[in-house]
Amino acid sequence: MRYARFTPLLSLGLMLTVAGSAVAAPGCFEGRRKVDEANALKFQAREEARIGNHDRVCDTLDEIGDRYADARDAFEDCGAGAVAIDLRSESRNLRIAKTVNRCD
């Protein structure tokens, strides 16, 4: 009987959490799609580097940076700040790749 008052409050909190994530989901799906596009472009950049097409590698790395920026904005809009922070580290890795490939 002690928990009779606590249980409805807990269920209400759980419902609000689920409803909040459902509202935020469209922006998060957009961010996830942009990350998937960036991953595909990373593969393309590796293949271009293997072939030796330096100009195309730099163009592809620029496109990857654009996708990461779009994804970071989408994740920040939907409230997934931790994912946005992880994308900042990916952006740092991208800058390193640009330096290695002499794109700057």
PDB file of N, CA and C in Angstrom:
ATOM      1  N   MET A   1       0.810  -1.198   0.000  1.00  0.00           N
ATOM      2  CA  MET A   1       0.000   0.000   0.000  1.00  0.00           C
ATOM      3  C   MET A   1       0.851   1.258   0.000  1.00  0.00           C
ATOM      4  N   ARG A   2       2.081   1.143   0.480  1.00  0.00           N
ATOM      5  CA  ARG A   2       2.931   2.335   0.525  1.00  0.00           C
ATOM      6  C   ARG A   2       3.192   2.898  -0.865  1.00  0.00           C
ATOM      7  N   TYR A   3       3.233   2.039  -1.837  1.00  0.00           N
ATOM      8  CA  TYR A   3       3.608   2.469  -3.180  1.00  0.00           C
ATOM      9  C   TYR A   3       2.399   2.845  -4.042  1.00  0.00           C
ATOM     10  N   ALA A   4       1.230   2.888  -3.455  1.00  0.00           N
ATOM     11  CA  ALA A   4       0.019   3.168  -4.221  1.00  0.00           C
ATOM     12  C   ALA A   4       0.053   4.570  -4.821  1.00  0.00           C
ATOM     13  N   ARG A   5       0.649   5.525  -4.151  1.00  0.00           N
ATOM     14  CA  ARG A   5       0.725   6.892  -4.685  1.00  0.00           C
ATOM     15  C   ARG A   5       1.893   7.033  -5.662  1.00  0.00           C
ATOM     16  N   PHE A   6       2.919   6.263  -5.464  1.00  0.00           N
ATOM     17  CA  PHE A   6       4.127   6.377  -6.271  1.00  0.00           C
ATOM     18  C   PHE A   6       3.939   5.773  -7.665  1.00  0.00           C
ATOM     19  N   THR A   7       3.202   4.693  -7.792  1.00  0.00           N
ATOM     20  CA  THR A   7       3.038   3.987  -9.056  1.00  0.00           C
ATOM     21  C   THR A   7       2.373   4.842 -10.136  1.00  0.00           C
ATOM     22  N   PRO A   8       1.284   5.561  -9.866  1.00  0.00           N
ATOM     23  CA  PRO A   8       0.706   6.411 -10.917  1.00  0.00           C
ATOM     24  C   PRO A   8       1.658   7.521 -11.363  1.00  0.00           C
ATOM     25  N   LEU A   9       2.431   8.066 -10.440  1.00  0.00           N
ATOM     26  CA  LEU A   9       3.388   9.108 -10.820  1.00  0.00           C
ATOM     27  C   LEU A   9       4.488   8.538 -11.709  1.00  0.00           C
ATOM     28  N   LEU A  10       4.925   7.348 -11.394  1.00  0.00           N
ATOM     29  CA  LEU A  10       5.951   6.701 -12.197  1.00  0.00           C
ATOM     30  C   LEU A  10       5.441   6.415 -13.608  1.00  0.00           C
ATOM     31  N   SER A  11       4.221   5.921 -13.711  1.00  0.00           N
ATOM     32  CA  SER A  11       3.668   5.620 -15.034  1.00  0.00           C
ATOM     33  C   SER A  11       3.441   6.897 -15.836  1.00  0.00           C
ATOM     34  N   LEU A  12       3.037   7.976 -15.176  1.00  0.00           N
ATOM     35  CA  LEU A  12       2.856   9.257 -15.861  1.00  0.00           C
ATOM     36  C   LEU A  12       4.194   9.761 -16.394  1.00  0.00           C
ATOM     37  N   GLY A  13       5.242   9.651 -15.590  1.00  0.00           N
ATOM     38  CA  GLY A  13       6.569  10.063 -16.039  1.00  0.00           C
ATOM     39  C   GLY A  13       7.051   9.243 -17.221  1.00  0.00           C
ATOM     40  N   LEU A  14       6.783   7.947 -17.204  1.00  0.00           N
ATOM     41  CA  LEU A  14       7.170   7.079 -18.302  1.00  0.00           C
ATOM     42  C   LEU A  14       6.417   7.451 -19.578  1.00  0.00           C
ATOM     43  N   MET A  15       5.124   7.755 -19.458  1.00  0.00           N
ATOM     44  CA  MET A  15       4.347   8.159 -20.625  1.00  0.00           C
ATOM     45  C   MET A  15       4.872   9.458 -21.215  1.00  0.00           C
ATOM     46  N   LEU A  16       5.227  10.416 -20.376  1.00  0.00           N
ATOM     47  CA  LEU A  16       5.757  11.684 -20.871  1.00  0.00           C
ATOM     48  C   LEU A  16       7.100  11.494 -21.570  1.00  0.00           C
ATOM     49  N   THR A  17       7.904  10.589 -21.067  1.00  0.00           N
ATOM     50  CA  THR A  17       9.200  10.307 -21.696  1.00  0.00           C
ATOM     51  C   THR A  17       9.009   9.707 -23.082  1.00  0.00           C
ATOM     52  N   VAL A  18       8.102   8.749 -23.192  1.00  0.00           N
ATOM     53  CA  VAL A  18       7.838   8.102 -24.481  1.00  0.00           C
ATOM     54  C   VAL A  18       7.233   9.101 -25.458  1.00  0.00           C
ATOM     55  N   ALA A  19       6.310   9.931 -24.998  1.00  0.00           N
ATOM     56  CA  ALA A  19       5.686  10.919 -25.872  1.00  0.00           C
ATOM     57  C   ALA A  19       6.707  11.945 -26.345  1.00  0.00           C
ATOM     58  N   GLY A  20       7.617  12.342 -25.488  1.00  0.00           N
ATOM     59  CA  GLY A  20       8.641  13.311 -25.874  1.00  0.00           C
ATOM     60  C   GLY A  20       9.577  12.772 -26.933  1.00  0.00           C
ATOM     61  N   SER A  21       9.952  11.501 -26.806  1.00  0.00           N
ATOM     62  CA  SER A  21      10.845  10.919 -27.811  1.00  0.00           C
ATOM     63  C   SER A  21      10.116  10.693 -29.133  1.00  0.00           C
ATOM     64  N   ALA A  22       8.818  10.431 -29.082  1.00  0.00           N
ATOM     65  CA  ALA A  22       8.050  10.244 -30.317  1.00  0.00           C
ATOM     66  C   ALA A  22       7.924  11.551 -31.087  1.00  0.00           C
ATOM     67  N   VAL A  23       7.806  12.653 -30.382  1.00  0.00           N
ATOM     68  CA  VAL A  23       7.724  13.952 -31.037  1.00  0.00           C
ATOM     69  C   VAL A  23       9.072  14.321 -31.649  1.00  0.00           C
ATOM     70  N   ALA A  24      10.152  13.956 -30.981  1.00  0.00           N
ATOM     71  CA  ALA A  24      11.484  14.307 -31.455  1.00  0.00           C
ATOM     72  C   ALA A  24      11.992  13.371 -32.543  1.00  0.00           C
ATOM     73  N   ALA A  25      11.336  12.273 -32.776  1.00  0.00           N
ATOM     74  CA  ALA A  25      11.844  11.248 -33.684  1.00  0.00           C
ATOM     75  C   ALA A  25      12.068  11.711 -35.118  1.00  0.00           C
ATOM     76  N   PRO A  26      11.193  12.507 -35.753  1.00  0.00           N
ATOM     77  CA  PRO A  26      11.444  12.872 -37.154  1.00  0.00           C
ATOM     78  C   PRO A  26      12.777  13.581 -37.368  1.00  0.00           C
ATOM     79  N   GLY A  27      13.157  14.488 -36.484  1.00  0.00           N
ATOM     80  CA  GLY A  27      14.446  15.158 -36.610  1.00  0.00           C
ATOM     81  C   GLY A  27      15.596  14.194 -36.423  1.00  0.00           C
ATOM     82  N   CYS A  28      15.425  13.226 -35.524  1.00  0.00           N
ATOM     83  CA  CYS A  28      16.478  12.238 -35.291  1.00  0.00           C
ATOM     84  C   CYS A  28      16.625  11.302 -36.484  1.00  0.00           C
ATOM     85  N   PHE A  29      15.525  10.969 -37.153  1.00  0.00           N
ATOM     86  CA  PHE A  29      15.614  10.141 -38.349  1.00  0.00           C
ATOM     87  C   PHE A  29      16.371  10.879 -39.447  1.00  0.00           C
ATOM     88  N   GLU A  30      16.126  12.165 -39.566  1.00  0.00           N
ATOM     89  CA  GLU A  30      16.829  12.980 -40.558  1.00  0.00           C
ATOM     90  C   GLU A  30      18.333  12.993 -40.264  1.00  0.00           C
ATOM     91  N   GLY A  31      18.684  13.154 -39.001  1.00  0.00           N
ATOM     92  CA  GLY A  31      20.085  13.140 -38.620  1.00  0.00           C
ATOM     93  C   GLY A  31      20.731  11.803 -38.904  1.00  0.00           C
ATOM     94  N   ARG A  32      20.028  10.726 -38.601  1.00  0.00           N
ATOM     95  CA  ARG A  32      20.558   9.388 -38.859  1.00  0.00           C
ATOM     96  C   ARG A  32      20.784   9.172 -40.356  1.00  0.00           C
ATOM     97  N   ARG A  33      19.861   9.677 -41.167  1.00  0.00           N
ATOM     98  CA  ARG A  33      19.996   9.544 -42.625  1.00  0.00           C
ATOM     99  C   ARG A  33      21.233  10.288 -43.119  1.00  0.00           C
ATOM    100  N   LYS A  34      21.485  11.468 -42.562  1.00  0.00           N
ATOM    101  CA  LYS A  34      22.666  12.245 -42.960  1.00  0.00           C
ATOM    102  C   LYS A  34      23.958  11.537 -42.552  1.00  0.00           C
ATOM    103  N   VAL A  35      23.960  10.898 -41.394  1.00  0.00           N
ATOM    104  CA  VAL A  35      25.140  10.146 -40.963  1.00  0.00           C
ATOM    105  C   VAL A  35      25.370   8.963 -41.896  1.00  0.00           C
ATOM    106  N   ASP A  36      24.298   8.292 -42.310  1.00  0.00           N
ATOM    107  CA  ASP A  36      24.435   7.169 -43.244  1.00  0.00           C
ATOM    108  C   ASP A  36      24.996   7.642 -44.588  1.00  0.00           C
ATOM    109  N   GLU A  37      24.533   8.816 -45.053  1.00  0.00           N
ATOM    110  CA  GLU A  37      25.063   9.375 -46.290  1.00  0.00           C
ATOM    111  C   GLU A  37      26.549   9.687 -46.140  1.00  0.00           C
ATOM    112  N   ALA A  38      26.933  10.236 -44.993  1.00  0.00           N
ATOM    113  CA  ALA A  38      28.344  10.557 -44.754  1.00  0.00           C
ATOM    114  C   ALA A  38      29.193   9.281 -44.744  1.00  0.00           C
ATOM    115  N   ASN A  39      28.674   8.203 -44.173  1.00  0.00           N
ATOM    116  CA  ASN A  39      29.409   6.941 -44.155  1.00  0.00           C
ATOM    117  C   ASN A  39      29.596   6.393 -45.569  1.00  0.00           C
ATOM    118  N   ALA A  40      28.572   6.527 -46.400  1.00  0.00           N
ATOM    119  CA  ALA A  40      28.705   6.086 -47.793  1.00  0.00           C
ATOM    120  C   ALA A  40      29.736   6.942 -48.525  1.00  0.00           C
ATOM    121  N   LEU A  41      29.735   8.227 -48.247  1.00  0.00           N
ATOM    122  CA  LEU A  41      30.715   9.111 -48.881  1.00  0.00           C
ATOM    123  C   LEU A  41      32.133   8.828 -48.386  1.00  0.00           C
ATOM    124  N   LYS A  42      32.262   8.397 -47.123  1.00  0.00           N
ATOM    125  CA  LYS A  42      33.596   8.027 -46.623  1.00  0.00           C
ATOM    126  C   LYS A  42      34.145   6.844 -47.413  1.00  0.00           C
ATOM    127  N   PHE A  43      33.291   5.878 -47.688  1.00  0.00           N
ATOM    128  CA  PHE A  43      33.712   4.740 -48.497  1.00  0.00           C
ATOM    129  C   PHE A  43      34.137   5.210 -49.888  1.00  0.00           C
ATOM    130  N   GLN A  44      33.349   6.118 -50.461  1.00  0.00           N
ATOM    131  CA  GLN A  44      33.668   6.647 -51.782  1.00  0.00           C
ATOM    132  C   GLN A  44      35.007   7.383 -51.763  1.00  0.00           C
ATOM    133  N   ALA A  45      35.268   8.150 -50.714  1.00  0.00           N
ATOM    134  CA  ALA A  45      36.534   8.877 -50.610  1.00  0.00           C
ATOM    135  C   ALA A  45      37.711   7.916 -50.507  1.00  0.00           C
ATOM    136  N   ARG A  46      37.543   6.833 -49.758  1.00  0.00           N
ATOM    137  CA  ARG A  46      38.618   5.831 -49.663  1.00  0.00           C
ATOM    138  C   ARG A  46      38.909   5.204 -51.022  1.00  0.00           C
ATOM    139  N   GLU A  47      37.856   4.915 -51.767  1.00  0.00           N
ATOM    140  CA  GLU A  47      38.047   4.321 -53.096  1.00  0.00           C
ATOM    141  C   GLU A  47      38.723   5.315 -54.036  1.00  0.00           C
ATOM    142  N   GLU A  48      38.326   6.577 -53.979  1.00  0.00           N
ATOM    143  CA  GLU A  48      38.953   7.596 -54.823  1.00  0.00           C
ATOM    144  C   GLU A  48      40.421   7.760 -54.459  1.00  0.00           C
ATOM    145  N   ALA A  49      40.742   7.683 -53.175  1.00  0.00           N
ATOM    146  CA  ALA A  49      42.135   7.785 -52.746  1.00  0.00           C
ATOM    147  C   ALA A  49      42.928   6.578 -53.234  1.00  0.00           C
ATOM    148  N   ARG A  50      42.306   5.421 -53.208  1.00  0.00           N
ATOM    149  CA  ARG A  50      42.979   4.209 -53.686  1.00  0.00           C
ATOM    150  C   ARG A  50      43.282   4.311 -55.169  1.00  0.00           C
ATOM    151  N   ILE A  51      42.341   4.873 -55.920  1.00  0.00           N
ATOM    152  CA  ILE A  51      42.528   5.037 -57.364  1.00  0.00           C
ATOM    153  C   ILE A  51      43.567   6.126 -57.642  1.00  0.00           C
ATOM    154  N   GLY A  52      43.620   7.137 -56.776  1.00  0.00           N
ATOM    155  CA  GLY A  52      44.578   8.220 -56.943  1.00  0.00           C
ATOM    156  C   GLY A  52      43.978   9.505 -57.471  1.00  0.00           C
ATOM    157  N   ASN A  53      42.662   9.628 -57.423  1.00  0.00           N
ATOM    158  CA  ASN A  53      41.980  10.828 -57.909  1.00  0.00           C
ATOM    159  C   ASN A  53      41.924  11.853 -56.774  1.00  0.00           C
ATOM    160  N   HIS A  54      42.991  12.627 -56.619  1.00  0.00           N
ATOM    161  CA  HIS A  54      43.152  13.543 -55.488  1.00  0.00           C
ATOM    162  C   HIS A  54      42.056  14.619 -55.446  1.00  0.00           C
ATOM    163  N   ASP A  55      41.727  15.199 -56.582  1.00  0.00           N
ATOM    164  CA  ASP A  55      40.711  16.264 -56.594  1.00  0.00           C
ATOM    165  C   ASP A  55      39.357  15.745 -56.142  1.00  0.00           C
ATOM    166  N   ARG A  56      39.011  14.566 -56.578  1.00  0.00           N
ATOM    167  CA  ARG A  56      37.721  13.988 -56.196  1.00  0.00           C
ATOM    168  C   ARG A  56      37.685  13.633 -54.711  1.00  0.00           C
ATOM    169  N   VAL A  57      38.824  13.206 -54.159  1.00  0.00           N
ATOM    170  CA  VAL A  57      38.892  12.908 -52.721  1.00  0.00           C
ATOM    171  C   VAL A  57      38.570  14.164 -51.923  1.00  0.00           C
ATOM    172  N   CYS A  58      39.177  15.278 -52.297  1.00  0.00           N
ATOM    173  CA  CYS A  58      38.942  16.530 -51.572  1.00  0.00           C
ATOM    174  C   CYS A  58      37.487  16.983 -51.692  1.00  0.00           C
ATOM    175  N   ASP A  59      36.910  16.839 -52.884  1.00  0.00           N
ATOM    176  CA  ASP A  59      35.496  17.203 -53.059  1.00  0.00           C
ATOM    177  C   ASP A  59      34.598  16.326 -52.198  1.00  0.00           C
ATOM    178  N   THR A  60      34.898  15.042 -52.163  1.00  0.00           N
ATOM    179  CA  THR A  60      34.089  14.110 -51.367  1.00  0.00           C
ATOM    180  C   THR A  60      34.227  14.406 -49.880  1.00  0.00           C
ATOM    181  N   LEU A  61      35.438  14.737 -49.434  1.00  0.00           N
ATOM    182  CA  LEU A  61      35.620  15.090 -48.021  1.00  0.00           C
ATOM    183  C   LEU A  61      34.840  16.344 -47.661  1.00  0.00           C
ATOM    184  N   ASP A  62      34.752  17.299 -48.582  1.00  0.00           N
ATOM    185  CA  ASP A  62      33.932  18.481 -48.339  1.00  0.00           C
ATOM    186  C   ASP A  62      32.458  18.118 -48.216  1.00  0.00           C
ATOM    187  N   GLU A  63      32.000  17.194 -49.065  1.00  0.00           N
ATOM    188  CA  GLU A  63      30.605  16.748 -48.997  1.00  0.00           C
ATOM    189  C   GLU A  63      30.325  16.040 -47.669  1.00  0.00           C
ATOM    190  N   ILE A  64      31.296  15.266 -47.202  1.00  0.00           N
ATOM    191  CA  ILE A  64      31.134  14.579 -45.914  1.00  0.00           C
ATOM    192  C   ILE A  64      30.981  15.603 -44.793  1.00  0.00           C
ATOM    193  N   GLY A  65      31.785  16.652 -44.832  1.00  0.00           N
ATOM    194  CA  GLY A  65      31.678  17.710 -43.831  1.00  0.00           C
ATOM    195  C   GLY A  65      30.308  18.364 -43.833  1.00  0.00           C
ATOM    196  N   ASP A  66      29.758  18.574 -45.028  1.00  0.00           N
ATOM    197  CA  ASP A  66      28.403  19.147 -45.125  1.00  0.00           C
ATOM    198  C   ASP A  66      27.366  18.210 -44.510  1.00  0.00           C
ATOM    199  N   ARG A  67      27.491  16.911 -44.775  1.00  0.00           N
ATOM    200  CA  ARG A  67      26.534  15.942 -44.214  1.00  0.00           C
ATOM    201  C   ARG A  67      26.626  15.909 -42.691  1.00  0.00           C
ATOM    202  N   TYR A  68      27.861  15.955 -42.161  1.00  0.00           N
ATOM    203  CA  TYR A  68      28.018  15.956 -40.710  1.00  0.00           C
ATOM    204  C   TYR A  68      27.418  17.213 -40.090  1.00  0.00           C
ATOM    205  N   ALA A  69      27.579  18.343 -40.736  1.00  0.00           N
ATOM    206  CA  ALA A  69      26.999  19.586 -40.210  1.00  0.00           C
ATOM    207  C   ALA A  69      25.474  19.504 -40.203  1.00  0.00           C
ATOM    208  N   ASP A  70      24.898  18.971 -41.290  1.00  0.00           N
ATOM    209  CA  ASP A  70      23.441  18.810 -41.349  1.00  0.00           C
ATOM    210  C   ASP A  70      22.950  17.841 -40.283  1.00  0.00           C
ATOM    211  N   ALA A  71      23.678  16.736 -40.109  1.00  0.00           N
ATOM    212  CA  ALA A  71      23.291  15.737 -39.108  1.00  0.00           C
ATOM    213  C   ALA A  71      23.395  16.314 -37.701  1.00  0.00           C
ATOM    214  N   ARG A  72      24.463  17.057 -37.427  1.00  0.00           N
ATOM    215  CA  ARG A  72      24.626  17.654 -36.099  1.00  0.00           C
ATOM    216  C   ARG A  72      23.476  18.613 -35.790  1.00  0.00           C
ATOM    217  N   ASP A  73      23.095  19.417 -36.781  1.00  0.00           N
ATOM    218  CA  ASP A  73      21.965  20.327 -36.583  1.00  0.00           C
ATOM    219  C   ASP A  73      20.666  19.566 -36.328  1.00  0.00           C
ATOM    220  N   ALA A  74      20.450  18.494 -37.085  1.00  0.00           N
ATOM    221  CA  ALA A  74      19.225  17.705 -36.904  1.00  0.00           C
ATOM    222  C   ALA A  74      19.189  17.052 -35.532  1.00  0.00           C
ATOM    223  N   PHE A  75      20.318  16.521 -35.070  1.00  0.00           N
ATOM    224  CA  PHE A  75      20.349  15.885 -33.755  1.00  0.00           C
ATOM    225  C   PHE A  75      20.192  16.910 -32.635  1.00  0.00           C
ATOM    226  N   GLU A  76      20.743  18.091 -32.813  1.00  0.00           N
ATOM    227  CA  GLU A  76      20.556  19.135 -31.793  1.00  0.00           C
ATOM    228  C   GLU A  76      19.095  19.580 -31.739  1.00  0.00           C
ATOM    229  N   ASP A  77      18.426  19.620 -32.905  1.00  0.00           N
ATOM    230  CA  ASP A  77      17.012  19.998 -32.939  1.00  0.00           C
ATOM    231  C   ASP A  77      16.131  18.971 -32.243  1.00  0.00           C
ATOM    232  N   CYS A  78      16.497  17.689 -32.339  1.00  0.00           N
ATOM    233  CA  CYS A  78      15.645  16.671 -31.726  1.00  0.00           C
ATOM    234  C   CYS A  78      16.042  16.375 -30.288  1.00  0.00           C
ATOM    235  N   GLY A  79      17.084  17.029 -29.799  1.00  0.00           N
ATOM    236  CA  GLY A  79      17.438  16.877 -28.397  1.00  0.00           C
ATOM    237  C   GLY A  79      18.457  15.796 -28.112  1.00  0.00           C
ATOM    238  N   ALA A  80      19.114  15.293 -29.121  1.00  0.00           N
ATOM    239  CA  ALA A  80      20.121  14.254 -28.912  1.00  0.00           C
ATOM    240  C   ALA A  80      21.504  14.905 -28.900  1.00  0.00           C
ATOM    241  N   GLY A  81      21.787  15.633 -27.845  1.00  0.00           N
ATOM    242  CA  GLY A  81      23.029  16.391 -27.751  1.00  0.00           C
ATOM    243  C   GLY A  81      24.267  15.525 -27.707  1.00  0.00           C
ATOM    244  N   ALA A  82      24.165  14.337 -27.107  1.00  0.00           N
ATOM    245  CA  ALA A  82      25.331  13.453 -27.014  1.00  0.00           C
ATOM    246  C   ALA A  82      25.774  12.996 -28.398  1.00  0.00           C
ATOM    247  N   VAL A  83      24.824  12.743 -29.279  1.00  0.00           N
ATOM    248  CA  VAL A  83      25.159  12.333 -30.638  1.00  0.00           C
ATOM    249  C   VAL A  83      25.802  13.500 -31.377  1.00  0.00           C
ATOM    250  N   ALA A  84      25.307  14.720 -31.132  1.00  0.00           N
ATOM    251  CA  ALA A  84      25.888  15.899 -31.766  1.00  0.00           C
ATOM    252  C   ALA A  84      27.337  16.084 -31.328  1.00  0.00           C
ATOM    253  N   ILE A  85      27.635  15.783 -30.068  1.00  0.00           N
ATOM    254  CA  ILE A  85      29.013  15.885 -29.584  1.00  0.00           C
ATOM    255  C   ILE A  85      29.878  14.844 -30.276  1.00  0.00           C
ATOM    256  N   ASP A  86      29.358  13.640 -30.467  1.00  0.00           N
ATOM    257  CA  ASP A  86      30.108  12.600 -31.162  1.00  0.00           C
ATOM    258  C   ASP A  86      30.381  13.017 -32.603  1.00  0.00           C
ATOM    259  N   LEU A  87      29.441  13.711 -33.228  1.00  0.00           N
ATOM    260  CA  LEU A  87      29.655  14.175 -34.590  1.00  0.00           C
ATOM    261  C   LEU A  87      30.725  15.252 -34.648  1.00  0.00           C
ATOM    262  N   ARG A  88      30.894  16.003 -33.574  1.00  0.00           N
ATOM    263  CA  ARG A  88      31.984  16.980 -33.547  1.00  0.00           C
ATOM    264  C   ARG A  88      33.331  16.278 -33.579  1.00  0.00           C
ATOM    265  N   SER A  89      33.434  15.135 -32.914  1.00  0.00           N
ATOM    266  CA  SER A  89      34.695  14.380 -32.975  1.00  0.00           C
ATOM    267  C   SER A  89      34.903  13.807 -34.377  1.00  0.00           C
ATOM    268  N   GLU A  90      33.828  13.403 -35.046  1.00  0.00           N
ATOM    269  CA  GLU A  90      33.947  12.943 -36.430  1.00  0.00           C
ATOM    270  C   GLU A  90      34.398  14.091 -37.335  1.00  0.00           C
ATOM    271  N   SER A  91      33.932  15.296 -37.047  1.00  0.00           N
ATOM    272  CA  SER A  91      34.355  16.455 -37.833  1.00  0.00           C
ATOM    273  C   SER A  91      35.846  16.728 -37.635  1.00  0.00           C
ATOM    274  N   ARG A  92      36.328  16.523 -36.418  1.00  0.00           N
ATOM    275  CA  ARG A  92      37.771  16.662 -36.178  1.00  0.00           C
ATOM    276  C   ARG A  92      38.550  15.633 -36.989  1.00  0.00           C
ATOM    277  N   ASN A  93      38.063  14.403 -37.012  1.00  0.00           N
ATOM    278  CA  ASN A  93      38.725  13.356 -37.805  1.00  0.00           C
ATOM    279  C   ASN A  93      38.700  13.706 -39.296  1.00  0.00           C
ATOM    280  N   LEU A  94      37.638  14.346 -39.724  1.00  0.00           N
ATOM    281  CA  LEU A  94      37.530  14.765 -41.115  1.00  0.00           C
ATOM    282  C   LEU A  94      38.574  15.838 -41.440  1.00  0.00           C
ATOM    283  N   ARG A  95      38.765  16.776 -40.512  1.00  0.00           N
ATOM    284  CA  ARG A  95      39.799  17.799 -40.728  1.00  0.00           C
ATOM    285  C   ARG A  95      41.188  17.164 -40.818  1.00  0.00           C
ATOM    286  N   ILE A  96      41.428  16.141 -40.022  1.00  0.00           N
ATOM    287  CA  ILE A  96      42.708  15.432 -40.084  1.00  0.00           C
ATOM    288  C   ILE A  96      42.861  14.741 -41.444  1.00  0.00           C
ATOM    289  N   ALA A  97      41.783  14.128 -41.923  1.00  0.00           N
ATOM    290  CA  ALA A  97      41.838  13.472 -43.233  1.00  0.00           C
ATOM    291  C   ALA A  97      42.101  14.490 -44.338  1.00  0.00           C
ATOM    292  N   LYS A  98      41.522  15.663 -44.224  1.00  0.00           N
ATOM    293  CA  LYS A  98      41.784  16.714 -45.211  1.00  0.00           C
ATOM    294  C   LYS A  98      43.239  17.150 -45.187  1.00  0.00           C
ATOM    295  N   THR A  99      43.814  17.226 -43.992  1.00  0.00           N
ATOM    296  CA  THR A  99      45.219  17.599 -43.882  1.00  0.00           C
ATOM    297  C   THR A  99      46.111  16.526 -44.480  1.00  0.00           C
ATOM    298  N   VAL A 100      45.804  15.274 -44.193  1.00  0.00           N
ATOM    299  CA  VAL A 100      46.600  14.162 -44.722  1.00  0.00           C
ATOM    300  C   VAL A 100      46.548  14.137 -46.247  1.00  0.00           C
ATOM    301  N   ASN A 101      45.383  14.414 -46.810  1.00  0.00           N
ATOM    302  CA  ASN A 101      45.222  14.407 -48.261  1.00  0.00           C
ATOM    303  C   ASN A 101      45.554  15.744 -48.907  1.00  0.00           C
ATOM    304  N   ARG A 102      46.046  16.690 -48.110  1.00  0.00           N
ATOM    305  CA  ARG A 102      46.446  18.032 -48.565  1.00  0.00           C
ATOM    306  C   ARG A 102      45.301  18.745 -49.288  1.00  0.00           C
ATOM    307  N   CYS A 103      44.125  18.728 -48.660  1.00  0.00           N
ATOM    308  CA  CYS A 103      42.953  19.370 -49.249  1.00  0.00           C
ATOM    309  C   CYS A 103      42.795  20.827 -48.806  1.00  0.00           C
ATOM    310  N   ASP A 104      43.463  21.215 -47.771  1.00  0.00           N
ATOM    311  CA  ASP A 104      43.270  22.588 -47.283  1.00  0.00           C
ATOM    312  C   ASP A 104      44.205  23.564 -47.932  1.00  0.00           C
TER     313      ASP A 104
END
